[in-house]
Amino acid sequence: MPEEDPIKTAKEGVSVVAEIIKAAGDDPSVKEAAGNLGKTAVTLTKTINNALLPLAAINFAFDKARKYFSSQFQQDLTDKAKNIPEEHIVQPKASVAGPTLQGLAFTHDEANLKEMFLNLLATSMDGRKADIAHPAFVEIIKQLDSEDARLVQGTLKSEAPIPIVEIHTELKNGKGQEIQLRHLLNLKITSTGQPVEDSKLAAMVDNWIRLGLVKVEYDKFLTEPSHYSWVESRPEYKRLCDSLNNDERKVEYTRGIIYRTELGKRFAAAVGVN
């Protein structure tokens, strides 16, 4: 295949830059980015301009979306896709790009969801791995809230199962168990190691299960006892012991595991969870 005519490429690049500047108005950051386009950036910008901005325009009816797509979107996506070699930049499938841009229109001010949508778009533009950017992943992101998107990443990053427990009271008269708290994970502040409570955690885990990202099993567990040594120091467990332990019942817990599914693994790769 003959090399692309450099004059033609330059003219097209200038045309694209003009269109971006026009779309961006007076935004200096976009003008600066447009003025520093290299060969790869020209190809990338052409793809964004020709394939994505027209789709984004569908969402311009929303004031916040109009401002974002006309000023910041091009730079955000360029940052995500800048390491794709020029020869591997492809036009993303409309079945992925269209719904993703719609999702961005509503969530661009929520950092965790915005990151997932932008990374999914960048994946769909990389010919080396565009096939993993499945349209279903757009719907999965849409069914996460920002806290979901932040917390699920820990499980999706892990190649090994993660310990999880279910706290229950064991009735001493032999009449069975009463579940008190489901899907407890050892959430901590990274910088201090202090435990963090989240009243929505059990519901979030159920949502991840429903979406097919993870599985939770309580008939299997990690055999090394140290994997569950954190449970009895958790504030949730201590509080339940203080309020429920008596002559009739005792607070105990069931060990389990949570791990990513194959769908979860592929989703993680597509949305940049490494």
C-alpha atoms as a PDB file:
ATOM      1  CA  MET A   1       0.000   0.000   0.000  1.00  0.00           C
ATOM      2  CA  PRO A   2       1.545   3.383  -0.994  1.00  0.00           C
ATOM      3  CA  GLU A   3       2.366   5.874   1.710  1.00  0.00           C
ATOM      4  CA  GLU A   4      -0.212   8.537   2.340  1.00  0.00           C
ATOM      5  CA  ASP A   5       0.560  11.780   0.532  1.00  0.00           C
ATOM      6  CA  PRO A   6       2.180  14.057   3.166  1.00  0.00           C
ATOM      7  CA  ILE A   7       0.632  17.194   1.675  1.00  0.00           C
ATOM      8  CA  LYS A   8      -2.805  15.596   1.789  1.00  0.00           C
ATOM      9  CA  THR A   9      -2.186  14.483   5.391  1.00  0.00           C
ATOM     10  CA  ALA A  10      -1.062  17.949   6.406  1.00  0.00           C
ATOM     11  CA  LYS A  11      -4.113  19.558   4.785  1.00  0.00           C
ATOM     12  CA  GLU A  12      -6.432  17.117   6.493  1.00  0.00           C
ATOM     13  CA  GLY A  13      -4.648  17.746   9.788  1.00  0.00           C
ATOM     14  CA  VAL A  14      -5.082  21.504   9.415  1.00  0.00           C
ATOM     15  CA  SER A  15      -8.742  20.981   8.585  1.00  0.00           C
ATOM     16  CA  VAL A  16      -9.233  18.843  11.669  1.00  0.00           C
ATOM     17  CA  VAL A  17      -7.453  21.361  13.890  1.00  0.00           C
ATOM     18  CA  ALA A  18      -9.698  24.104  12.542  1.00  0.00           C
ATOM     19  CA  GLU A  19     -12.794  22.069  13.287  1.00  0.00           C
ATOM     20  CA  ILE A  20     -11.636  21.318  16.831  1.00  0.00           C
ATOM     21  CA  ILE A  21     -10.855  24.953  17.507  1.00  0.00           C
ATOM     22  CA  LYS A  22     -14.257  25.881  16.124  1.00  0.00           C
ATOM     23  CA  ALA A  23     -15.960  23.310  18.348  1.00  0.00           C
ATOM     24  CA  ALA A  24     -13.910  24.348  21.373  1.00  0.00           C
ATOM     25  CA  GLY A  25     -14.626  28.054  21.093  1.00  0.00           C
ATOM     26  CA  ASP A  26     -12.037  29.974  23.101  1.00  0.00           C
ATOM     27  CA  ASP A  27     -10.899  27.090  25.288  1.00  0.00           C
ATOM     28  CA  PRO A  28      -7.084  27.554  25.469  1.00  0.00           C
ATOM     29  CA  SER A  29      -6.274  23.980  26.469  1.00  0.00           C
ATOM     30  CA  VAL A  30      -7.932  22.573  23.369  1.00  0.00           C
ATOM     31  CA  LYS A  31      -6.298  25.164  21.123  1.00  0.00           C
ATOM     32  CA  GLU A  32      -2.901  24.295  22.576  1.00  0.00           C
ATOM     33  CA  ALA A  33      -3.502  20.586  22.038  1.00  0.00           C
ATOM     34  CA  ALA A  34      -4.655  21.219  18.494  1.00  0.00           C
ATOM     35  CA  GLY A  35      -1.579  23.294  17.747  1.00  0.00           C
ATOM     36  CA  ASN A  36       0.810  20.514  18.770  1.00  0.00           C
ATOM     37  CA  LEU A  37      -0.461  17.623  16.693  1.00  0.00           C
ATOM     38  CA  GLY A  38       2.056  15.093  15.453  1.00  0.00           C
ATOM     39  CA  LYS A  39       1.372  12.377  12.906  1.00  0.00           C
ATOM     40  CA  THR A  40      -0.187  10.027  15.449  1.00  0.00           C
ATOM     41  CA  ALA A  41      -2.152  12.857  16.987  1.00  0.00           C
ATOM     42  CA  VAL A  42      -3.477  13.862  13.556  1.00  0.00           C
ATOM     43  CA  THR A  43      -4.790  10.355  12.992  1.00  0.00           C
ATOM     44  CA  LEU A  44      -6.212  10.188  16.504  1.00  0.00           C
ATOM     45  CA  THR A  45      -7.822  13.602  16.225  1.00  0.00           C
ATOM     46  CA  LYS A  46      -9.321  12.747  12.821  1.00  0.00           C
ATOM     47  CA  THR A  47     -10.893   9.658  14.367  1.00  0.00           C
ATOM     48  CA  ILE A  48     -12.305  11.605  17.297  1.00  0.00           C
ATOM     49  CA  ASN A  49     -13.500  14.438  15.095  1.00  0.00           C
ATOM     50  CA  ASN A  50     -15.007  12.363  12.302  1.00  0.00           C
ATOM     51  CA  ALA A  51     -16.407   9.417  14.266  1.00  0.00           C
ATOM     52  CA  LEU A  52     -17.118  10.631  17.779  1.00  0.00           C
ATOM     53  CA  LEU A  53     -17.938  14.337  17.866  1.00  0.00           C
ATOM     54  CA  PRO A  54     -20.959  13.925  15.553  1.00  0.00           C
ATOM     55  CA  LEU A  55     -22.283  11.234  17.908  1.00  0.00           C
ATOM     56  CA  ALA A  56     -21.505  13.422  20.909  1.00  0.00           C
ATOM     57  CA  ALA A  57     -23.525  16.230  19.338  1.00  0.00           C
ATOM     58  CA  ILE A  58     -26.655  14.140  19.882  1.00  0.00           C
ATOM     59  CA  ASN A  59     -26.236  14.847  23.583  1.00  0.00           C
ATOM     60  CA  PHE A  60     -25.655  18.601  23.231  1.00  0.00           C
ATOM     61  CA  ALA A  61     -29.213  19.275  24.353  1.00  0.00           C
ATOM     62  CA  PHE A  62     -27.930  18.893  27.904  1.00  0.00           C
ATOM     63  CA  ASP A  63     -26.124  22.079  28.942  1.00  0.00           C
ATOM     64  CA  LYS A  64     -23.427  20.300  30.958  1.00  0.00           C
ATOM     65  CA  ALA A  65     -22.879  17.816  28.132  1.00  0.00           C
ATOM     66  CA  ARG A  66     -22.595  20.610  25.575  1.00  0.00           C
ATOM     67  CA  LYS A  67     -19.916  22.324  27.631  1.00  0.00           C
ATOM     68  CA  TYR A  68     -17.984  19.110  28.226  1.00  0.00           C
ATOM     69  CA  PHE A  69     -18.033  17.811  24.646  1.00  0.00           C
ATOM     70  CA  SER A  70     -17.156  21.184  23.157  1.00  0.00           C
ATOM     71  CA  SER A  71     -14.285  21.977  25.516  1.00  0.00           C
ATOM     72  CA  GLN A  72     -12.813  19.038  27.398  1.00  0.00           C
ATOM     73  CA  PHE A  73     -13.831  15.747  25.784  1.00  0.00           C
ATOM     74  CA  GLN A  74     -11.349  15.823  22.892  1.00  0.00           C
ATOM     75  CA  GLN A  75      -8.421  16.427  25.252  1.00  0.00           C
ATOM     76  CA  ASP A  76      -9.594  13.785  27.754  1.00  0.00           C
ATOM     77  CA  LEU A  77      -9.882  11.108  25.100  1.00  0.00           C
ATOM     78  CA  THR A  78      -6.615  12.116  23.442  1.00  0.00           C
ATOM     79  CA  ASP A  79      -4.871  11.643  26.800  1.00  0.00           C
ATOM     80  CA  LYS A  80      -6.338   8.146  27.099  1.00  0.00           C
ATOM     81  CA  ALA A  81      -5.505   7.113  23.543  1.00  0.00           C
ATOM     82  CA  LYS A  82      -2.200   8.938  22.980  1.00  0.00           C
ATOM     83  CA  ASN A  83      -0.099   5.771  23.341  1.00  0.00           C
ATOM     84  CA  ILE A  84      -1.919   3.901  20.568  1.00  0.00           C
ATOM     85  CA  PRO A  85       0.468   3.633  17.587  1.00  0.00           C
ATOM     86  CA  GLU A  86      -0.773   5.541  14.550  1.00  0.00           C
ATOM     87  CA  GLU A  87      -1.155   2.393  12.456  1.00  0.00           C
ATOM     88  CA  HIS A  88      -3.414   0.801  15.078  1.00  0.00           C
ATOM     89  CA  ILE A  89      -5.888   3.654  15.500  1.00  0.00           C
ATOM     90  CA  VAL A  90      -9.284   2.554  14.194  1.00  0.00           C
ATOM     91  CA  GLN A  91     -12.729   4.045  14.055  1.00  0.00           C
ATOM     92  CA  PRO A  92     -14.698   2.647  17.006  1.00  0.00           C
ATOM     93  CA  LYS A  93     -17.852   0.674  16.396  1.00  0.00           C
ATOM     94  CA  ALA A  94     -20.941   2.843  16.637  1.00  0.00           C
ATOM     95  CA  SER A  95     -22.550   0.173  18.844  1.00  0.00           C
ATOM     96  CA  VAL A  96     -19.900   0.980  21.453  1.00  0.00           C
ATOM     97  CA  ALA A  97     -19.166   4.646  20.758  1.00  0.00           C
ATOM     98  CA  GLY A  98     -22.774   5.874  20.622  1.00  0.00           C
ATOM     99  CA  PRO A  99     -23.963   4.503  23.987  1.00  0.00           C
ATOM    100  CA  THR A 100     -20.616   5.352  25.603  1.00  0.00           C
ATOM    101  CA  LEU A 101     -20.910   8.995  24.607  1.00  0.00           C
ATOM    102  CA  GLN A 102     -24.449   9.031  25.905  1.00  0.00           C
ATOM    103  CA  GLY A 103     -23.172   7.668  29.205  1.00  0.00           C
ATOM    104  CA  LEU A 104     -20.490  10.355  29.316  1.00  0.00           C
ATOM    105  CA  ALA A 105     -23.121  13.033  28.755  1.00  0.00           C
ATOM    106  CA  PHE A 106     -24.652  12.166  32.103  1.00  0.00           C
ATOM    107  CA  THR A 107     -21.593  11.115  34.125  1.00  0.00           C
ATOM    108  CA  HIS A 108     -18.636  13.245  32.984  1.00  0.00           C
ATOM    109  CA  ASP A 109     -18.667  14.995  36.374  1.00  0.00           C
ATOM    110  CA  GLU A 110     -18.335  11.670  38.252  1.00  0.00           C
ATOM    111  CA  ALA A 111     -14.659  10.792  38.029  1.00  0.00           C
ATOM    112  CA  ASN A 112     -14.859   7.013  38.505  1.00  0.00           C
ATOM    113  CA  LEU A 113     -17.558   6.492  35.875  1.00  0.00           C
ATOM    114  CA  LYS A 114     -15.997   9.017  33.494  1.00  0.00           C
ATOM    115  CA  GLU A 115     -12.700   7.116  33.634  1.00  0.00           C
ATOM    116  CA  MET A 116     -14.402   3.844  32.748  1.00  0.00           C
ATOM    117  CA  PHE A 117     -16.272   5.354  29.796  1.00  0.00           C
ATOM    118  CA  LEU A 118     -13.182   7.112  28.421  1.00  0.00           C
ATOM    119  CA  ASN A 119     -11.028   4.000  28.793  1.00  0.00           C
ATOM    120  CA  LEU A 120     -13.685   1.923  27.033  1.00  0.00           C
ATOM    121  CA  LEU A 121     -13.700   4.399  24.148  1.00  0.00           C
ATOM    122  CA  ALA A 122      -9.906   4.325  23.948  1.00  0.00           C
ATOM    123  CA  THR A 123      -9.944   0.518  23.896  1.00  0.00           C
ATOM    124  CA  SER A 124     -12.484   0.550  21.060  1.00  0.00           C
ATOM    125  CA  MET A 125     -10.118   2.794  19.070  1.00  0.00           C
ATOM    126  CA  ASP A 126      -7.117   0.490  19.475  1.00  0.00           C
ATOM    127  CA  GLY A 127      -7.112  -2.063  16.662  1.00  0.00           C
ATOM    128  CA  ARG A 128      -4.965  -4.429  18.726  1.00  0.00           C
ATOM    129  CA  LYS A 129      -7.675  -4.948  21.320  1.00  0.00           C
ATOM    130  CA  ALA A 130     -10.860  -3.314  20.007  1.00  0.00           C
ATOM    131  CA  ASP A 131     -12.579  -6.705  20.005  1.00  0.00           C
ATOM    132  CA  ILE A 132     -12.751  -6.741  23.817  1.00  0.00           C
ATOM    133  CA  ALA A 133     -14.748  -3.492  23.883  1.00  0.00           C
ATOM    134  CA  HIS A 134     -18.164  -5.180  23.952  1.00  0.00           C
ATOM    135  CA  PRO A 135     -21.336  -3.044  23.732  1.00  0.00           C
ATOM    136  CA  ALA A 136     -22.630  -4.786  26.875  1.00  0.00           C
ATOM    137  CA  PHE A 137     -19.857  -3.114  28.875  1.00  0.00           C
ATOM    138  CA  VAL A 138     -21.490   0.277  28.311  1.00  0.00           C
ATOM    139  CA  GLU A 139     -24.650  -0.993  29.979  1.00  0.00           C
ATOM    140  CA  ILE A 140     -22.641  -2.439  32.874  1.00  0.00           C
ATOM    141  CA  ILE A 141     -21.032   0.948  33.564  1.00  0.00           C
ATOM    142  CA  LYS A 142     -24.449   2.605  33.372  1.00  0.00           C
ATOM    143  CA  GLN A 143     -25.659   0.285  36.129  1.00  0.00           C
ATOM    144  CA  LEU A 144     -22.844   1.228  38.504  1.00  0.00           C
ATOM    145  CA  ASP A 145     -22.756   4.322  40.645  1.00  0.00           C
ATOM    146  CA  SER A 146     -19.519   6.144  41.349  1.00  0.00           C
ATOM    147  CA  GLU A 147     -18.848   4.248  44.593  1.00  0.00           C
ATOM    148  CA  ASP A 148     -19.607   0.931  42.869  1.00  0.00           C
ATOM    149  CA  ALA A 149     -17.092   1.781  40.167  1.00  0.00           C
ATOM    150  CA  ARG A 150     -14.427   2.623  42.730  1.00  0.00           C
ATOM    151  CA  LEU A 151     -14.854  -0.384  45.012  1.00  0.00           C
ATOM    152  CA  VAL A 152     -15.351  -3.111  42.411  1.00  0.00           C
ATOM    153  CA  GLN A 153     -11.930  -2.346  40.958  1.00  0.00           C
ATOM    154  CA  GLY A 154     -10.176  -4.025  43.878  1.00  0.00           C
ATOM    155  CA  THR A 155     -11.831  -7.344  43.069  1.00  0.00           C
ATOM    156  CA  LEU A 156     -11.456  -6.957  39.313  1.00  0.00           C
ATOM    157  CA  LYS A 157      -7.723  -6.295  39.661  1.00  0.00           C
ATOM    158  CA  SER A 158      -7.112  -9.396  41.754  1.00  0.00           C
ATOM    159  CA  GLU A 159      -6.187 -12.632  40.001  1.00  0.00           C
ATOM    160  CA  ALA A 160      -6.725 -14.533  43.264  1.00  0.00           C
ATOM    161  CA  PRO A 161      -9.940 -14.903  45.294  1.00  0.00           C
ATOM    162  CA  ILE A 162     -10.460 -12.305  48.037  1.00  0.00           C
ATOM    163  CA  PRO A 163     -11.763 -13.213  51.519  1.00  0.00           C
ATOM    164  CA  ILE A 164     -15.333 -12.164  52.307  1.00  0.00           C
ATOM    165  CA  VAL A 165     -17.573 -13.108  55.236  1.00  0.00           C
ATOM    166  CA  GLU A 166     -21.192 -13.301  56.249  1.00  0.00           C
ATOM    167  CA  ILE A 167     -21.947 -12.526  59.908  1.00  0.00           C
ATOM    168  CA  HIS A 168     -24.746 -14.425  61.604  1.00  0.00           C
ATOM    169  CA  THR A 169     -26.018 -15.348  65.050  1.00  0.00           C
ATOM    170  CA  GLU A 170     -25.977 -19.003  65.992  1.00  0.00           C
ATOM    171  CA  LEU A 171     -28.961 -19.913  68.162  1.00  0.00           C
ATOM    172  CA  LYS A 172     -27.778 -21.998  71.101  1.00  0.00           C
ATOM    173  CA  ASN A 173     -30.980 -24.020  71.300  1.00  0.00           C
ATOM    174  CA  GLY A 174     -30.125 -25.614  67.974  1.00  0.00           C
ATOM    175  CA  LYS A 175     -32.832 -23.779  66.014  1.00  0.00           C
ATOM    176  CA  GLY A 176     -30.470 -22.486  63.372  1.00  0.00           C
ATOM    177  CA  GLN A 177     -28.934 -19.201  62.314  1.00  0.00           C
ATOM    178  CA  GLU A 178     -30.017 -15.638  61.718  1.00  0.00           C
ATOM    179  CA  ILE A 179     -28.020 -13.654  59.163  1.00  0.00           C
ATOM    180  CA  GLN A 180     -27.008 -10.255  60.497  1.00  0.00           C
ATOM    181  CA  LEU A 181     -24.656  -8.865  57.860  1.00  0.00           C
ATOM    182  CA  ARG A 182     -23.923 -10.099  54.354  1.00  0.00           C
ATOM    183  CA  HIS A 183     -20.874  -9.615  52.125  1.00  0.00           C
ATOM    184  CA  LEU A 184     -18.455  -7.993  54.555  1.00  0.00           C
ATOM    185  CA  LEU A 185     -15.103  -7.053  53.014  1.00  0.00           C
ATOM    186  CA  ASN A 186     -12.086  -5.639  54.802  1.00  0.00           C
ATOM    187  CA  LEU A 187     -12.439  -2.070  53.554  1.00  0.00           C
ATOM    188  CA  LYS A 188      -9.652   0.199  54.770  1.00  0.00           C
ATOM    189  CA  ILE A 189      -8.203   3.652  54.283  1.00  0.00           C
ATOM    190  CA  THR A 190      -5.141   2.946  52.158  1.00  0.00           C
ATOM    191  CA  SER A 191      -2.926   5.562  53.770  1.00  0.00           C
ATOM    192  CA  THR A 192      -3.662   4.637  57.397  1.00  0.00           C
ATOM    193  CA  GLY A 193      -4.941   1.058  57.312  1.00  0.00           C
ATOM    194  CA  GLN A 194      -7.961   2.093  59.383  1.00  0.00           C
ATOM    195  CA  PRO A 195     -11.193   0.169  58.693  1.00  0.00           C
ATOM    196  CA  VAL A 196     -13.940   1.921  56.746  1.00  0.00           C
ATOM    197  CA  GLU A 197     -17.624   1.068  56.998  1.00  0.00           C
ATOM    198  CA  ASP A 198     -20.036   1.343  54.074  1.00  0.00           C
ATOM    199  CA  SER A 199     -23.688   0.596  54.723  1.00  0.00           C
ATOM    200  CA  LYS A 200     -24.253   0.035  50.984  1.00  0.00           C
ATOM    201  CA  LEU A 201     -21.504  -2.570  50.587  1.00  0.00           C
ATOM    202  CA  ALA A 202     -23.727  -5.683  50.665  1.00  0.00           C
ATOM    203  CA  ALA A 203     -26.078  -4.183  48.072  1.00  0.00           C
ATOM    204  CA  MET A 204     -23.133  -3.180  45.887  1.00  0.00           C
ATOM    205  CA  VAL A 205     -21.706  -6.705  45.968  1.00  0.00           C
ATOM    206  CA  ASP A 206     -25.136  -8.077  45.035  1.00  0.00           C
ATOM    207  CA  ASN A 207     -25.144  -5.637  42.112  1.00  0.00           C
ATOM    208  CA  TRP A 208     -21.710  -6.807  40.935  1.00  0.00           C
ATOM    209  CA  ILE A 209     -22.970 -10.386  41.107  1.00  0.00           C
ATOM    210  CA  ARG A 210     -26.125  -9.460  39.173  1.00  0.00           C
ATOM    211  CA  LEU A 211     -24.020  -7.814  36.458  1.00  0.00           C
ATOM    212  CA  GLY A 212     -21.890 -10.928  36.142  1.00  0.00           C
ATOM    213  CA  LEU A 213     -18.645  -9.235  37.177  1.00  0.00           C
ATOM    214  CA  VAL A 214     -17.963 -11.329  40.285  1.00  0.00           C
ATOM    215  CA  LYS A 215     -19.001 -14.496  42.074  1.00  0.00           C
ATOM    216  CA  VAL A 216     -19.320 -14.978  45.826  1.00  0.00           C
ATOM    217  CA  GLU A 217     -19.211 -18.420  47.424  1.00  0.00           C
ATOM    218  CA  TYR A 218     -19.629 -19.287  51.106  1.00  0.00           C
ATOM    219  CA  ASP A 219     -19.170 -23.029  50.682  1.00  0.00           C
ATOM    220  CA  LYS A 220     -15.547 -22.349  49.740  1.00  0.00           C
ATOM    221  CA  PHE A 221     -12.922 -20.382  51.628  1.00  0.00           C
ATOM    222  CA  LEU A 222      -9.198 -19.671  51.808  1.00  0.00           C
ATOM    223  CA  THR A 223      -7.513 -22.231  54.037  1.00  0.00           C
ATOM    224  CA  GLU A 224      -4.870 -19.943  55.512  1.00  0.00           C
ATOM    225  CA  PRO A 225      -6.467 -18.614  58.762  1.00  0.00           C
ATOM    226  CA  SER A 226      -4.649 -15.284  58.497  1.00  0.00           C
ATOM    227  CA  HIS A 227      -6.787 -14.385  55.504  1.00  0.00           C
ATOM    228  CA  TYR A 228      -9.733 -13.913  57.899  1.00  0.00           C
ATOM    229  CA  SER A 229      -7.869 -12.557  60.930  1.00  0.00           C
ATOM    230  CA  TRP A 230      -9.277  -9.105  60.237  1.00  0.00           C
ATOM    231  CA  VAL A 231     -12.906 -10.065  60.850  1.00  0.00           C
ATOM    232  CA  GLU A 232     -13.032  -9.914  64.645  1.00  0.00           C
ATOM    233  CA  SER A 233     -11.392  -6.483  64.694  1.00  0.00           C
ATOM    234  CA  ARG A 234     -13.921  -4.992  62.289  1.00  0.00           C
ATOM    235  CA  PRO A 235     -16.250  -2.388  63.891  1.00  0.00           C
ATOM    236  CA  GLU A 236     -19.287  -4.114  62.353  1.00  0.00           C
ATOM    237  CA  TYR A 237     -18.421  -7.432  64.013  1.00  0.00           C
ATOM    238  CA  LYS A 238     -17.621  -5.839  67.374  1.00  0.00           C
ATOM    239  CA  ARG A 239     -20.859  -3.871  67.366  1.00  0.00           C
ATOM    240  CA  LEU A 240     -22.942  -6.942  66.604  1.00  0.00           C
ATOM    241  CA  CYS A 241     -21.164  -8.916  69.338  1.00  0.00           C
ATOM    242  CA  ASP A 242     -21.837  -6.164  71.880  1.00  0.00           C
ATOM    243  CA  SER A 243     -25.520  -5.949  71.022  1.00  0.00           C
ATOM    244  CA  LEU A 244     -26.449  -9.550  70.244  1.00  0.00           C
ATOM    245  CA  ASN A 245     -24.275 -11.957  72.218  1.00  0.00           C
ATOM    246  CA  ASN A 246     -26.248 -13.434  75.127  1.00  0.00           C
ATOM    247  CA  ASP A 247     -27.227 -16.744  76.701  1.00  0.00           C
ATOM    248  CA  GLU A 248     -29.461 -17.609  73.759  1.00  0.00           C
ATOM    249  CA  ARG A 249     -27.260 -16.784  70.803  1.00  0.00           C
ATOM    250  CA  LYS A 250     -23.690 -16.073  69.740  1.00  0.00           C
ATOM    251  CA  VAL A 251     -22.336 -13.942  66.917  1.00  0.00           C
ATOM    252  CA  GLU A 252     -20.232 -15.925  64.447  1.00  0.00           C
ATOM    253  CA  TYR A 253     -19.213 -15.632  60.815  1.00  0.00           C
ATOM    254  CA  THR A 254     -19.014 -17.793  57.714  1.00  0.00           C
ATOM    255  CA  ARG A 255     -15.863 -17.559  55.632  1.00  0.00           C
ATOM    256  CA  GLY A 256     -16.177 -17.184  51.877  1.00  0.00           C
ATOM    257  CA  ILE A 257     -14.492 -15.900  48.751  1.00  0.00           C
ATOM    258  CA  ILE A 258     -15.254 -13.263  46.135  1.00  0.00           C
ATOM    259  CA  TYR A 259     -13.560 -13.427  42.752  1.00  0.00           C
ATOM    260  CA  ARG A 260     -13.890 -11.985  39.278  1.00  0.00           C
ATOM    261  CA  THR A 261     -15.632 -13.921  36.519  1.00  0.00           C
ATOM    262  CA  GLU A 262     -14.289 -14.261  32.989  1.00  0.00           C
ATOM    263  CA  LEU A 263     -16.722 -11.503  32.011  1.00  0.00           C
ATOM    264  CA  GLY A 264     -15.352  -9.394  34.864  1.00  0.00           C
ATOM    265  CA  LYS A 265     -11.792 -10.011  33.714  1.00  0.00           C
ATOM    266  CA  ARG A 266     -12.609  -8.910  30.170  1.00  0.00           C
ATOM    267  CA  PHE A 267     -14.584  -5.907  31.412  1.00  0.00           C
ATOM    268  CA  ALA A 268     -11.630  -4.855  33.571  1.00  0.00           C
ATOM    269  CA  ALA A 269      -9.273  -4.986  30.585  1.00  0.00           C
ATOM    270  CA  ALA A 270     -11.674  -2.956  28.439  1.00  0.00           C
ATOM    271  CA  VAL A 271     -12.217  -0.158  30.981  1.00  0.00           C
ATOM    272  CA  GLY A 272      -8.598   0.180  32.095  1.00  0.00           C
ATOM    273  CA  VAL A 273      -8.758  -1.589  35.465  1.00  0.00           C
ATOM    274  CA  ASN A 274      -5.215  -2.941  35.698  1.00  0.00           C
END
